[in-house]
Amino acid sequence: MAGTSRHDREMAMNAKQKLSTCADPVERLRLQCLARGSSGIKGLGRTFKIMDDDNNRTLDMKEFMKGLNDYGVLIEKEEAMKLFQHFDRDGSGFIDFDEFLLTLRPPMSNARKEVIMQAFRKLDKTGDGVITIDDLKGVYNAKCHPKYQNGEWTEEQVFRKFLDSFDSPYDKDGQVTLEEFMNYYAGVSASIDTDVYFIVMMRNAWKLN
């Protein structure tokens, strides 16, 4: 359903190899996230979101450094400061949280973004911009899951596990926003070379028309 584990493994290996020769601080951070698989960038986004106590969607230098550290990104202080300055374009001492994640996200064609949006809209039955367990009922059939069939999990547990694959490992709230969904599939997309293959995979996974 999500990115295949084989793609994830290949992408993580490629990212680790590229890291040894990459000098650009933004690309290095992107590669460190991708080395964790499809959820890497989304997970970093969640870490920063938790730290944004006043919900103003900005980070100062201290929060930025702490977020990288909490997420386990290996980075020299000097490199982190260069990164921060790269994103702090107006020199205000703050970086825009959303702009930071957008820049970090591997580039995707409009065709890929559109099919990800279609999948999100299909799942977000209530149309409130967040996918929850209630949204999944009737869209995702939990009864086909082997652990439901053998009695190990309830229907609710199957749904929760499904949402967890898009959620951050450090802050599972059982809800997936469009931003998280996009960040997740940006990671998957980075492991798939052609638009055609990516779109076919998404259409099959989500039974899109």
N, C-alpha and C. Protein backbone atom coordinates (compact mmCIF):
# COMPACT_ATOMS: atom_id res chain seq x y z
N MET A 1 0.84 -1.20 0.00
CA MET A 1 0.00 0.00 0.00
C MET A 1 0.87 1.25 0.00
N ALA A 2 1.73 1.35 1.00
CA ALA A 2 2.67 2.46 0.99
C ALA A 2 3.81 2.07 0.05
N GLY A 3 4.93 2.80 0.11
CA GLY A 3 6.04 2.44 -0.78
C GLY A 3 6.49 1.03 -0.48
N THR A 4 6.85 0.28 -1.48
CA THR A 4 7.25 -1.10 -1.24
C THR A 4 8.55 -1.13 -0.45
N SER A 5 8.72 -2.17 0.34
CA SER A 5 9.92 -2.23 1.19
C SER A 5 11.18 -2.32 0.34
N ARG A 6 11.07 -2.93 -0.84
CA ARG A 6 12.25 -3.05 -1.70
C ARG A 6 12.70 -1.66 -2.16
N HIS A 7 11.72 -0.84 -2.57
CA HIS A 7 12.05 0.53 -2.97
C HIS A 7 12.66 1.30 -1.81
N ASP A 8 12.08 1.10 -0.64
CA ASP A 8 12.59 1.79 0.54
C ASP A 8 14.04 1.43 0.81
N ARG A 9 14.34 0.14 0.72
CA ARG A 9 15.71 -0.32 0.99
C ARG A 9 16.69 0.26 -0.03
N GLU A 10 16.28 0.22 -1.31
CA GLU A 10 17.15 0.74 -2.37
C GLU A 10 17.39 2.24 -2.19
N MET A 11 16.32 2.95 -1.85
CA MET A 11 16.45 4.40 -1.68
C MET A 11 17.36 4.72 -0.50
N ALA A 12 17.19 4.01 0.61
CA ALA A 12 18.02 4.24 1.79
C ALA A 12 19.49 3.99 1.47
N MET A 13 19.76 2.90 0.72
CA MET A 13 21.14 2.59 0.36
C MET A 13 21.74 3.67 -0.55
N ASN A 14 20.95 4.09 -1.55
CA ASN A 14 21.42 5.15 -2.46
C ASN A 14 21.72 6.44 -1.72
N ALA A 15 20.82 6.79 -0.79
CA ALA A 15 20.99 8.03 -0.02
C ALA A 15 22.27 7.96 0.80
N LYS A 16 22.52 6.82 1.43
CA LYS A 16 23.73 6.68 2.25
C LYS A 16 24.99 6.80 1.39
N GLN A 17 24.94 6.20 0.20
CA GLN A 17 26.11 6.28 -0.70
C GLN A 17 26.37 7.73 -1.13
N LYS A 18 25.29 8.44 -1.50
CA LYS A 18 25.44 9.82 -1.97
C LYS A 18 25.94 10.75 -0.86
N LEU A 19 25.58 10.42 0.39
CA LEU A 19 25.97 11.26 1.52
C LEU A 19 27.48 11.41 1.62
N SER A 20 28.20 10.34 1.28
CA SER A 20 29.66 10.36 1.45
C SER A 20 30.34 11.35 0.50
N THR A 21 29.67 11.72 -0.59
CA THR A 21 30.30 12.65 -1.55
C THR A 21 29.59 13.99 -1.64
N CYS A 22 28.46 14.13 -0.97
CA CYS A 22 27.65 15.35 -1.11
C CYS A 22 28.17 16.46 -0.18
N ALA A 23 28.27 17.68 -0.72
CA ALA A 23 28.76 18.81 0.08
C ALA A 23 27.66 19.82 0.40
N ASP A 24 26.60 19.85 -0.41
CA ASP A 24 25.53 20.85 -0.22
C ASP A 24 24.74 20.54 1.06
N PRO A 25 24.66 21.51 2.02
CA PRO A 25 24.01 21.22 3.31
C PRO A 25 22.53 20.81 3.19
N VAL A 26 21.79 21.45 2.26
CA VAL A 26 20.36 21.11 2.10
C VAL A 26 20.21 19.68 1.59
N GLU A 27 21.02 19.36 0.58
CA GLU A 27 20.96 18.01 0.00
C GLU A 27 21.41 16.96 1.02
N ARG A 28 22.39 17.32 1.85
CA ARG A 28 22.87 16.38 2.88
C ARG A 28 21.76 16.06 3.89
N LEU A 29 21.03 17.09 4.28
CA LEU A 29 19.93 16.86 5.23
C LEU A 29 18.84 16.02 4.57
N ARG A 30 18.54 16.33 3.31
CA ARG A 30 17.53 15.54 2.57
C ARG A 30 17.96 14.07 2.51
N LEU A 31 19.23 13.84 2.20
CA LEU A 31 19.73 12.46 2.09
C LEU A 31 19.70 11.74 3.43
N GLN A 32 20.01 12.48 4.51
CA GLN A 32 19.95 11.85 5.85
C GLN A 32 18.52 11.41 6.17
N CYS A 33 17.55 12.21 5.74
CA CYS A 33 16.14 11.84 5.95
C CYS A 33 15.77 10.64 5.08
N LEU A 34 16.16 10.68 3.80
CA LEU A 34 15.81 9.60 2.86
C LEU A 34 16.50 8.29 3.25
N ALA A 35 17.64 8.39 3.91
CA ALA A 35 18.35 7.18 4.36
C ALA A 35 17.51 6.43 5.39
N ARG A 36 16.49 7.09 5.95
CA ARG A 36 15.58 6.42 6.90
C ARG A 36 14.36 5.82 6.21
N GLY A 37 14.31 5.97 4.87
CA GLY A 37 13.16 5.42 4.15
C GLY A 37 12.12 6.49 3.84
N SER A 38 10.98 6.03 3.33
CA SER A 38 9.93 6.95 2.84
C SER A 38 9.45 7.93 3.90
N SER A 39 9.48 7.52 5.16
CA SER A 39 8.91 8.36 6.22
C SER A 39 9.89 9.36 6.79
N GLY A 40 11.12 9.40 6.26
CA GLY A 40 12.16 10.21 6.87
C GLY A 40 11.86 11.69 6.97
N ILE A 41 11.45 12.30 5.85
CA ILE A 41 11.19 13.75 5.84
C ILE A 41 9.94 14.07 6.66
N LYS A 42 8.94 13.22 6.53
CA LYS A 42 7.71 13.41 7.29
C LYS A 42 7.98 13.35 8.79
N GLY A 43 8.87 12.42 9.17
CA GLY A 43 9.21 12.27 10.59
C GLY A 43 9.91 13.51 11.14
N LEU A 44 10.80 14.09 10.33
CA LEU A 44 11.49 15.32 10.75
C LEU A 44 10.48 16.45 10.88
N GLY A 45 9.54 16.51 9.94
CA GLY A 45 8.48 17.52 10.01
C GLY A 45 7.69 17.42 11.29
N ARG A 46 7.36 16.19 11.68
CA ARG A 46 6.61 15.97 12.92
C ARG A 46 7.41 16.41 14.14
N THR A 47 8.72 16.12 14.13
CA THR A 47 9.58 16.50 15.26
C THR A 47 9.54 18.01 15.44
N PHE A 48 9.65 18.75 14.33
CA PHE A 48 9.62 20.22 14.41
C PHE A 48 8.23 20.71 14.85
N LYS A 49 7.20 20.02 14.39
CA LYS A 49 5.83 20.43 14.71
C LYS A 49 5.59 20.35 16.23
N ILE A 50 6.13 19.29 16.85
CA ILE A 50 5.97 19.11 18.30
C ILE A 50 6.64 20.27 19.04
N MET A 51 7.77 20.74 18.48
CA MET A 51 8.53 21.79 19.14
C MET A 51 7.92 23.17 18.97
N ASP A 52 7.05 23.32 17.98
CA ASP A 52 6.46 24.63 17.68
C ASP A 52 5.35 24.92 18.69
N ASP A 53 5.75 25.22 19.93
CA ASP A 53 4.80 25.33 21.04
C ASP A 53 3.71 26.37 20.80
N ASP A 54 4.09 27.52 20.24
CA ASP A 54 3.09 28.57 20.07
C ASP A 54 2.35 28.49 18.74
N ASN A 55 2.61 27.41 17.99
CA ASN A 55 1.87 27.14 16.74
C ASN A 55 1.97 28.25 15.72
N ASN A 56 3.11 28.97 15.69
CA ASN A 56 3.23 30.07 14.73
C ASN A 56 3.93 29.64 13.43
N ARG A 57 4.20 28.32 13.33
CA ARG A 57 4.78 27.72 12.12
C ARG A 57 6.15 28.30 11.77
N THR A 58 6.87 28.81 12.79
CA THR A 58 8.25 29.24 12.54
C THR A 58 9.17 28.61 13.58
N LEU A 59 10.45 28.56 13.25
CA LEU A 59 11.45 28.00 14.17
C LEU A 59 12.60 28.98 14.29
N ASP A 60 13.10 29.17 15.53
CA ASP A 60 14.32 29.95 15.67
C ASP A 60 15.52 28.98 15.64
N MET A 61 16.72 29.55 15.70
CA MET A 61 17.93 28.74 15.57
C MET A 61 17.99 27.64 16.63
N LYS A 62 17.64 28.00 17.86
CA LYS A 62 17.71 27.05 18.98
C LYS A 62 16.76 25.87 18.75
N GLU A 63 15.52 26.18 18.34
CA GLU A 63 14.52 25.13 18.08
C GLU A 63 14.97 24.25 16.91
N PHE A 64 15.53 24.90 15.90
CA PHE A 64 16.00 24.19 14.71
C PHE A 64 17.09 23.17 15.10
N MET A 65 18.08 23.64 15.88
CA MET A 65 19.18 22.76 16.31
C MET A 65 18.65 21.62 17.17
N LYS A 66 17.73 21.95 18.07
CA LYS A 66 17.18 20.92 18.97
C LYS A 66 16.39 19.88 18.17
N GLY A 67 15.62 20.35 17.19
CA GLY A 67 14.82 19.44 16.36
C GLY A 67 15.70 18.45 15.60
N LEU A 68 16.78 18.97 15.00
CA LEU A 68 17.70 18.09 14.27
C LEU A 68 18.31 17.08 15.22
N ASN A 69 18.70 17.55 16.40
CA ASN A 69 19.32 16.69 17.40
C ASN A 69 18.35 15.62 17.89
N ASP A 70 17.11 16.04 18.20
CA ASP A 70 16.08 15.09 18.69
C ASP A 70 15.78 14.01 17.66
N TYR A 71 15.85 14.39 16.39
CA TYR A 71 15.54 13.43 15.33
C TYR A 71 16.75 12.55 14.99
N GLY A 72 17.89 12.90 15.60
CA GLY A 72 19.08 12.07 15.40
C GLY A 72 19.83 12.36 14.11
N VAL A 73 19.68 13.60 13.59
CA VAL A 73 20.42 13.99 12.38
C VAL A 73 21.86 14.30 12.79
N LEU A 74 22.81 13.64 12.12
CA LEU A 74 24.22 13.86 12.42
C LEU A 74 24.70 15.06 11.63
N ILE A 75 24.94 16.15 12.33
CA ILE A 75 25.31 17.39 11.62
C ILE A 75 26.19 18.24 12.54
N GLU A 76 27.23 18.83 11.95
CA GLU A 76 28.10 19.75 12.71
C GLU A 76 27.34 21.04 12.95
N LYS A 77 27.66 21.68 14.07
CA LYS A 77 26.97 22.94 14.41
C LYS A 77 27.11 23.97 13.28
N GLU A 78 28.32 24.05 12.72
CA GLU A 78 28.59 25.02 11.65
C GLU A 78 27.70 24.75 10.42
N GLU A 79 27.54 23.45 10.10
CA GLU A 79 26.71 23.08 8.95
C GLU A 79 25.24 23.40 9.23
N ALA A 80 24.81 23.14 10.47
CA ALA A 80 23.42 23.44 10.86
C ALA A 80 23.16 24.94 10.77
N MET A 81 24.16 25.75 11.16
CA MET A 81 23.99 27.21 11.08
C MET A 81 23.89 27.68 9.63
N LYS A 82 24.69 27.04 8.76
CA LYS A 82 24.62 27.36 7.32
C LYS A 82 23.24 27.03 6.78
N LEU A 83 22.73 25.87 7.19
CA LEU A 83 21.39 25.44 6.76
C LEU A 83 20.35 26.46 7.19
N PHE A 84 20.43 26.84 8.47
CA PHE A 84 19.46 27.79 9.01
C PHE A 84 19.50 29.10 8.22
N GLN A 85 20.71 29.58 7.96
CA GLN A 85 20.84 30.84 7.21
C GLN A 85 20.29 30.71 5.79
N HIS A 86 20.43 29.51 5.21
CA HIS A 86 19.89 29.28 3.87
C HIS A 86 18.37 29.47 3.85
N PHE A 87 17.71 28.98 4.91
CA PHE A 87 16.25 29.06 4.96
C PHE A 87 15.75 30.39 5.53
N ASP A 88 16.59 31.05 6.34
CA ASP A 88 16.21 32.35 6.91
C ASP A 88 16.53 33.44 5.89
N ARG A 89 15.73 33.48 4.83
CA ARG A 89 16.06 34.34 3.68
C ARG A 89 16.00 35.83 4.00
N ASP A 90 15.10 36.20 4.93
CA ASP A 90 14.97 37.63 5.21
C ASP A 90 15.83 38.06 6.41
N GLY A 91 16.61 37.12 6.96
CA GLY A 91 17.50 37.45 8.07
C GLY A 91 16.78 37.80 9.36
N SER A 92 15.56 37.29 9.53
CA SER A 92 14.75 37.64 10.70
C SER A 92 15.13 36.83 11.95
N GLY A 93 15.94 35.77 11.74
CA GLY A 93 16.27 34.91 12.88
C GLY A 93 15.26 33.78 13.05
N PHE A 94 14.32 33.69 12.11
CA PHE A 94 13.31 32.61 12.12
C PHE A 94 13.22 31.99 10.74
N ILE A 95 12.87 30.70 10.69
CA ILE A 95 12.60 30.10 9.38
C ILE A 95 11.16 29.62 9.32
N ASP A 96 10.61 29.74 8.14
CA ASP A 96 9.23 29.30 7.90
C ASP A 96 9.21 27.79 7.80
N PHE A 97 8.48 27.21 8.72
CA PHE A 97 8.39 25.77 8.87
C PHE A 97 7.94 25.06 7.58
N ASP A 98 6.88 25.59 6.96
CA ASP A 98 6.32 24.95 5.75
C ASP A 98 7.28 25.08 4.57
N GLU A 99 7.90 26.25 4.46
CA GLU A 99 8.84 26.49 3.36
C GLU A 99 10.05 25.54 3.49
N PHE A 100 10.48 25.36 4.74
CA PHE A 100 11.60 24.46 5.01
C PHE A 100 11.29 23.04 4.54
N LEU A 101 10.10 22.54 4.89
CA LEU A 101 9.73 21.17 4.51
C LEU A 101 9.54 21.04 3.01
N LEU A 102 8.97 22.08 2.40
CA LEU A 102 8.78 22.05 0.94
C LEU A 102 10.11 21.98 0.20
N THR A 103 11.10 22.72 0.70
CA THR A 103 12.41 22.72 0.06
C THR A 103 13.11 21.38 0.26
N LEU A 104 12.90 20.80 1.43
CA LEU A 104 13.56 19.54 1.77
C LEU A 104 12.95 18.36 1.02
N ARG A 105 11.68 18.46 0.75
CA ARG A 105 10.97 17.38 0.05
C ARG A 105 11.60 17.15 -1.33
N PRO A 106 11.90 15.90 -1.69
CA PRO A 106 12.47 15.67 -3.03
C PRO A 106 11.51 16.21 -4.10
N PRO A 107 12.05 16.82 -5.17
CA PRO A 107 11.18 17.40 -6.19
C PRO A 107 10.25 16.34 -6.81
N MET A 108 9.00 16.74 -7.05
CA MET A 108 8.03 15.83 -7.69
C MET A 108 7.36 16.57 -8.85
N SER A 109 7.07 15.83 -9.91
CA SER A 109 6.35 16.44 -11.03
C SER A 109 4.90 16.72 -10.62
N ASN A 110 4.24 17.62 -11.37
CA ASN A 110 2.84 17.94 -11.07
C ASN A 110 1.95 16.72 -11.21
N ALA A 111 2.30 15.82 -12.15
CA ALA A 111 1.50 14.60 -12.35
C ALA A 111 1.53 13.73 -11.09
N ARG A 112 2.69 13.64 -10.46
CA ARG A 112 2.80 12.84 -9.23
C ARG A 112 2.01 13.50 -8.09
N LYS A 113 2.16 14.84 -7.97
CA LYS A 113 1.43 15.54 -6.90
C LYS A 113 -0.07 15.37 -7.06
N GLU A 114 -0.53 15.41 -8.31
CA GLU A 114 -1.97 15.31 -8.57
C GLU A 114 -2.53 13.94 -8.15
N VAL A 115 -1.78 12.88 -8.45
CA VAL A 115 -2.28 11.54 -8.11
C VAL A 115 -2.24 11.32 -6.58
N ILE A 116 -1.28 11.95 -5.91
CA ILE A 116 -1.22 11.88 -4.44
C ILE A 116 -2.43 12.62 -3.85
N MET A 117 -2.75 13.77 -4.44
CA MET A 117 -3.92 14.54 -4.01
C MET A 117 -5.21 13.74 -4.20
N GLN A 118 -5.30 13.06 -5.34
CA GLN A 118 -6.50 12.23 -5.61
C GLN A 118 -6.67 11.16 -4.55
N ALA A 119 -5.55 10.51 -4.19
CA ALA A 119 -5.62 9.45 -3.17
C ALA A 119 -6.04 10.05 -1.83
N PHE A 120 -5.49 11.22 -1.49
CA PHE A 120 -5.84 11.85 -0.21
C PHE A 120 -7.32 12.21 -0.17
N ARG A 121 -7.79 12.81 -1.28
CA ARG A 121 -9.21 13.21 -1.32
C ARG A 121 -10.14 12.01 -1.19
N LYS A 122 -9.72 10.89 -1.79
CA LYS A 122 -10.55 9.68 -1.70
C LYS A 122 -10.62 9.18 -0.25
N LEU A 123 -9.49 9.25 0.44
CA LEU A 123 -9.44 8.77 1.82
C LEU A 123 -10.12 9.73 2.80
N ASP A 124 -9.99 11.03 2.52
CA ASP A 124 -10.55 12.04 3.43
C ASP A 124 -12.04 12.21 3.13
N LYS A 125 -12.83 11.22 3.59
CA LYS A 125 -14.26 11.19 3.24
C LYS A 125 -15.01 12.40 3.77
N THR A 126 -14.60 12.87 4.96
CA THR A 126 -15.33 13.99 5.56
C THR A 126 -14.90 15.33 4.96
N GLY A 127 -13.78 15.34 4.21
CA GLY A 127 -13.33 16.55 3.54
C GLY A 127 -12.78 17.61 4.47
N ASP A 128 -12.33 17.21 5.68
CA ASP A 128 -11.83 18.21 6.63
C ASP A 128 -10.31 18.38 6.58
N GLY A 129 -9.66 17.72 5.60
CA GLY A 129 -8.21 17.89 5.44
C GLY A 129 -7.37 17.00 6.33
N VAL A 130 -8.03 16.06 7.05
CA VAL A 130 -7.31 15.13 7.92
C VAL A 130 -7.90 13.73 7.73
N ILE A 131 -7.04 12.73 7.58
CA ILE A 131 -7.54 11.35 7.47
C ILE A 131 -7.55 10.73 8.87
N THR A 132 -8.72 10.21 9.26
CA THR A 132 -8.86 9.56 10.57
C THR A 132 -9.41 8.15 10.37
N ILE A 133 -9.54 7.42 11.47
CA ILE A 133 -10.09 6.06 11.40
C ILE A 133 -11.50 6.09 10.81
N ASP A 134 -12.28 7.10 11.18
CA ASP A 134 -13.66 7.20 10.65
C ASP A 134 -13.66 7.34 9.13
N ASP A 135 -12.69 8.11 8.61
CA ASP A 135 -12.59 8.28 7.15
C ASP A 135 -12.31 6.94 6.47
N LEU A 136 -11.50 6.12 7.12
CA LEU A 136 -11.06 4.87 6.47
C LEU A 136 -12.17 3.84 6.34
N LYS A 137 -13.14 3.91 7.25
CA LYS A 137 -14.23 2.93 7.20
C LYS A 137 -14.97 3.08 5.88
N GLY A 138 -15.09 2.02 5.15
CA GLY A 138 -15.78 2.07 3.87
C GLY A 138 -14.86 2.38 2.70
N VAL A 139 -13.62 2.82 2.99
CA VAL A 139 -12.66 3.08 1.91
C VAL A 139 -11.58 1.99 1.93
N TYR A 140 -11.18 1.64 3.14
CA TYR A 140 -10.12 0.64 3.29
C TYR A 140 -10.72 -0.56 4.01
N ASN A 141 -10.65 -1.72 3.38
CA ASN A 141 -11.30 -2.90 3.94
C ASN A 141 -10.39 -3.64 4.92
N ALA A 142 -10.64 -3.42 6.20
CA ALA A 142 -9.80 -4.03 7.24
C ALA A 142 -9.99 -5.54 7.31
N LYS A 143 -11.15 -6.01 6.84
CA LYS A 143 -11.47 -7.44 7.01
C LYS A 143 -10.60 -8.34 6.13
N CYS A 144 -9.91 -7.72 5.15
CA CYS A 144 -9.01 -8.51 4.30
C CYS A 144 -7.64 -8.69 4.95
N HIS A 145 -7.39 -7.94 6.02
CA HIS A 145 -6.07 -7.99 6.64
C HIS A 145 -5.87 -9.33 7.35
N PRO A 146 -4.73 -10.01 7.10
CA PRO A 146 -4.52 -11.33 7.70
C PRO A 146 -4.63 -11.35 9.22
N LYS A 147 -4.21 -10.27 9.89
CA LYS A 147 -4.26 -10.27 11.36
C LYS A 147 -5.69 -10.09 11.88
N TYR A 148 -6.54 -9.49 11.04
CA TYR A 148 -7.97 -9.42 11.41
C TYR A 148 -8.59 -10.80 11.22
N GLN A 149 -8.21 -11.43 10.10
CA GLN A 149 -8.79 -12.74 9.78
C GLN A 149 -8.42 -13.81 10.80
N ASN A 150 -7.21 -13.71 11.37
CA ASN A 150 -6.84 -14.75 12.35
C ASN A 150 -7.20 -14.35 13.79
N GLY A 151 -7.90 -13.21 13.92
CA GLY A 151 -8.41 -12.81 15.24
C GLY A 151 -7.41 -12.08 16.12
N GLU A 152 -6.22 -11.82 15.57
CA GLU A 152 -5.17 -11.17 16.38
C GLU A 152 -5.48 -9.69 16.62
N TRP A 153 -6.03 -9.01 15.58
CA TRP A 153 -6.35 -7.58 15.68
C TRP A 153 -7.83 -7.34 15.48
N THR A 154 -8.33 -6.26 16.11
CA THR A 154 -9.70 -5.82 15.83
C THR A 154 -9.65 -4.94 14.57
N GLU A 155 -10.83 -4.61 14.05
CA GLU A 155 -10.91 -3.73 12.87
C GLU A 155 -10.25 -2.38 13.17
N GLU A 156 -10.52 -1.87 14.39
CA GLU A 156 -9.94 -0.59 14.82
C GLU A 156 -8.41 -0.64 14.81
N GLN A 157 -7.84 -1.76 15.29
CA GLN A 157 -6.37 -1.91 15.33
C GLN A 157 -5.77 -1.94 13.91
N VAL A 158 -6.49 -2.56 12.98
CA VAL A 158 -6.02 -2.61 11.59
C VAL A 158 -5.96 -1.19 11.03
N PHE A 159 -7.04 -0.41 11.27
CA PHE A 159 -7.09 0.97 10.77
C PHE A 159 -5.95 1.80 11.39
N ARG A 160 -5.76 1.62 12.69
CA ARG A 160 -4.75 2.40 13.40
C ARG A 160 -3.34 2.09 12.86
N LYS A 161 -3.10 0.81 12.63
CA LYS A 161 -1.80 0.38 12.11
C LYS A 161 -1.57 0.98 10.71
N PHE A 162 -2.65 1.00 9.94
CA PHE A 162 -2.58 1.56 8.60
C PHE A 162 -2.18 3.05 8.67
N LEU A 163 -2.85 3.81 9.54
CA LEU A 163 -2.54 5.23 9.68
C LEU A 163 -1.13 5.44 10.22
N ASP A 164 -0.68 4.52 11.09
CA ASP A 164 0.66 4.63 11.67
C ASP A 164 1.75 4.64 10.60
N SER A 165 1.50 3.98 9.48
CA SER A 165 2.54 3.92 8.45
C SER A 165 2.80 5.31 7.85
N PHE A 166 1.81 6.20 7.93
CA PHE A 166 1.99 7.57 7.43
C PHE A 166 2.36 8.52 8.56
N ASP A 167 2.07 8.10 9.79
CA ASP A 167 2.30 8.94 10.95
C ASP A 167 3.77 8.90 11.34
N SER A 168 4.20 9.87 12.13
CA SER A 168 5.58 9.89 12.59
C SER A 168 5.77 8.87 13.70
N PRO A 169 6.92 8.17 13.71
CA PRO A 169 7.14 7.18 14.78
C PRO A 169 7.20 7.81 16.16
N TYR A 170 7.43 9.15 16.23
CA TYR A 170 7.60 9.78 17.54
C TYR A 170 6.34 10.45 18.05
N ASP A 171 5.31 10.54 17.24
CA ASP A 171 4.12 11.27 17.67
C ASP A 171 2.90 10.72 16.94
N LYS A 172 2.50 9.52 17.30
CA LYS A 172 1.39 8.89 16.60
C LYS A 172 0.07 9.39 17.20
N ASP A 173 -0.69 10.15 16.41
CA ASP A 173 -1.95 10.67 16.93
C ASP A 173 -3.16 10.10 16.19
N GLY A 174 -2.90 9.13 15.29
CA GLY A 174 -4.03 8.50 14.60
C GLY A 174 -4.68 9.41 13.57
N GLN A 175 -4.00 10.50 13.21
CA GLN A 175 -4.51 11.42 12.19
C GLN A 175 -3.41 11.71 11.20
N VAL A 176 -3.78 11.82 9.93
CA VAL A 176 -2.78 12.11 8.90
C VAL A 176 -3.25 13.32 8.10
N THR A 177 -2.43 14.37 8.10
CA THR A 177 -2.77 15.58 7.35
C THR A 177 -2.29 15.44 5.91
N LEU A 178 -2.76 16.34 5.05
CA LEU A 178 -2.31 16.33 3.65
C LEU A 178 -0.80 16.52 3.58
N GLU A 179 -0.29 17.40 4.44
CA GLU A 179 1.16 17.67 4.46
C GLU A 179 1.93 16.38 4.77
N GLU A 180 1.47 15.63 5.77
CA GLU A 180 2.15 14.37 6.13
C GLU A 180 2.04 13.35 5.00
N PHE A 181 0.87 13.30 4.39
CA PHE A 181 0.64 12.36 3.29
C PHE A 181 1.58 12.68 2.12
N MET A 182 1.68 13.99 1.81
CA MET A 182 2.57 14.45 0.74
C MET A 182 4.03 14.15 1.09
N ASN A 183 4.41 14.45 2.33
CA ASN A 183 5.80 14.21 2.75
C ASN A 183 6.14 12.72 2.66
N TYR A 184 5.19 11.88 3.05
CA TYR A 184 5.42 10.44 2.97
C TYR A 184 5.65 10.02 1.52
N TYR A 185 4.73 10.44 0.64
CA TYR A 185 4.83 10.00 -0.76
C TYR A 185 5.96 10.69 -1.52
N ALA A 186 6.44 11.83 -1.01
CA ALA A 186 7.64 12.44 -1.61
C ALA A 186 8.81 11.49 -1.40
N GLY A 187 8.84 10.85 -0.23
CA GLY A 187 9.87 9.85 0.04
C GLY A 187 9.74 8.64 -0.87
N VAL A 188 8.52 8.16 -1.03
CA VAL A 188 8.27 7.02 -1.93
C VAL A 188 8.67 7.41 -3.35
N SER A 189 8.25 8.61 -3.75
CA SER A 189 8.51 9.10 -5.10
C SER A 189 10.00 9.14 -5.41
N ALA A 190 10.80 9.49 -4.40
CA ALA A 190 12.25 9.59 -4.62
C ALA A 190 12.86 8.25 -5.00
N SER A 191 12.17 7.17 -4.66
CA SER A 191 12.71 5.83 -4.96
C SER A 191 12.20 5.28 -6.29
N ILE A 192 11.33 6.03 -6.98
CA ILE A 192 10.73 5.53 -8.22
C ILE A 192 11.08 6.49 -9.37
N ASP A 193 11.75 5.96 -10.38
CA ASP A 193 12.31 6.82 -11.43
C ASP A 193 11.27 7.47 -12.35
N THR A 194 10.31 6.69 -12.81
CA THR A 194 9.42 7.24 -13.84
C THR A 194 8.05 7.64 -13.29
N ASP A 195 7.52 8.73 -13.85
CA ASP A 195 6.17 9.18 -13.47
C ASP A 195 5.15 8.08 -13.73
N VAL A 196 5.27 7.44 -14.88
CA VAL A 196 4.28 6.42 -15.28
C VAL A 196 4.19 5.33 -14.23
N TYR A 197 5.34 4.82 -13.80
CA TYR A 197 5.35 3.73 -12.83
C TYR A 197 4.76 4.19 -11.50
N PHE A 198 5.12 5.41 -11.08
CA PHE A 198 4.61 5.96 -9.81
C PHE A 198 3.09 6.09 -9.86
N ILE A 199 2.59 6.64 -10.97
CA ILE A 199 1.14 6.86 -11.10
C ILE A 199 0.38 5.53 -11.13
N VAL A 200 0.91 4.56 -11.86
CA VAL A 200 0.27 3.23 -11.90
C VAL A 200 0.24 2.62 -10.50
N MET A 201 1.36 2.74 -9.78
CA MET A 201 1.43 2.20 -8.41
C MET A 201 0.37 2.85 -7.52
N MET A 202 0.23 4.18 -7.61
CA MET A 202 -0.74 4.90 -6.78
C MET A 202 -2.17 4.53 -7.15
N ARG A 203 -2.44 4.46 -8.46
CA ARG A 203 -3.80 4.12 -8.91
C ARG A 203 -4.20 2.72 -8.46
N ASN A 204 -3.26 1.79 -8.56
CA ASN A 204 -3.55 0.42 -8.12
C ASN A 204 -3.74 0.34 -6.61
N ALA A 205 -2.84 1.02 -5.89
CA ALA A 205 -2.90 0.96 -4.42
C ALA A 205 -4.19 1.53 -3.88
N TRP A 206 -4.65 2.62 -4.47
CA TRP A 206 -5.84 3.31 -3.94
C TRP A 206 -7.09 3.12 -4.81
N LYS A 207 -6.97 2.27 -5.82
CA LYS A 207 -8.11 2.01 -6.73
C LYS A 207 -8.71 3.32 -7.23
N LEU A 208 -7.85 4.15 -7.82
CA LEU A 208 -8.29 5.44 -8.37
C LEU A 208 -8.73 5.23 -9.81
N ASN A 209 -9.68 6.03 -10.27
CA ASN A 209 -10.17 5.88 -11.65
C ASN A 209 -9.14 6.41 -12.66
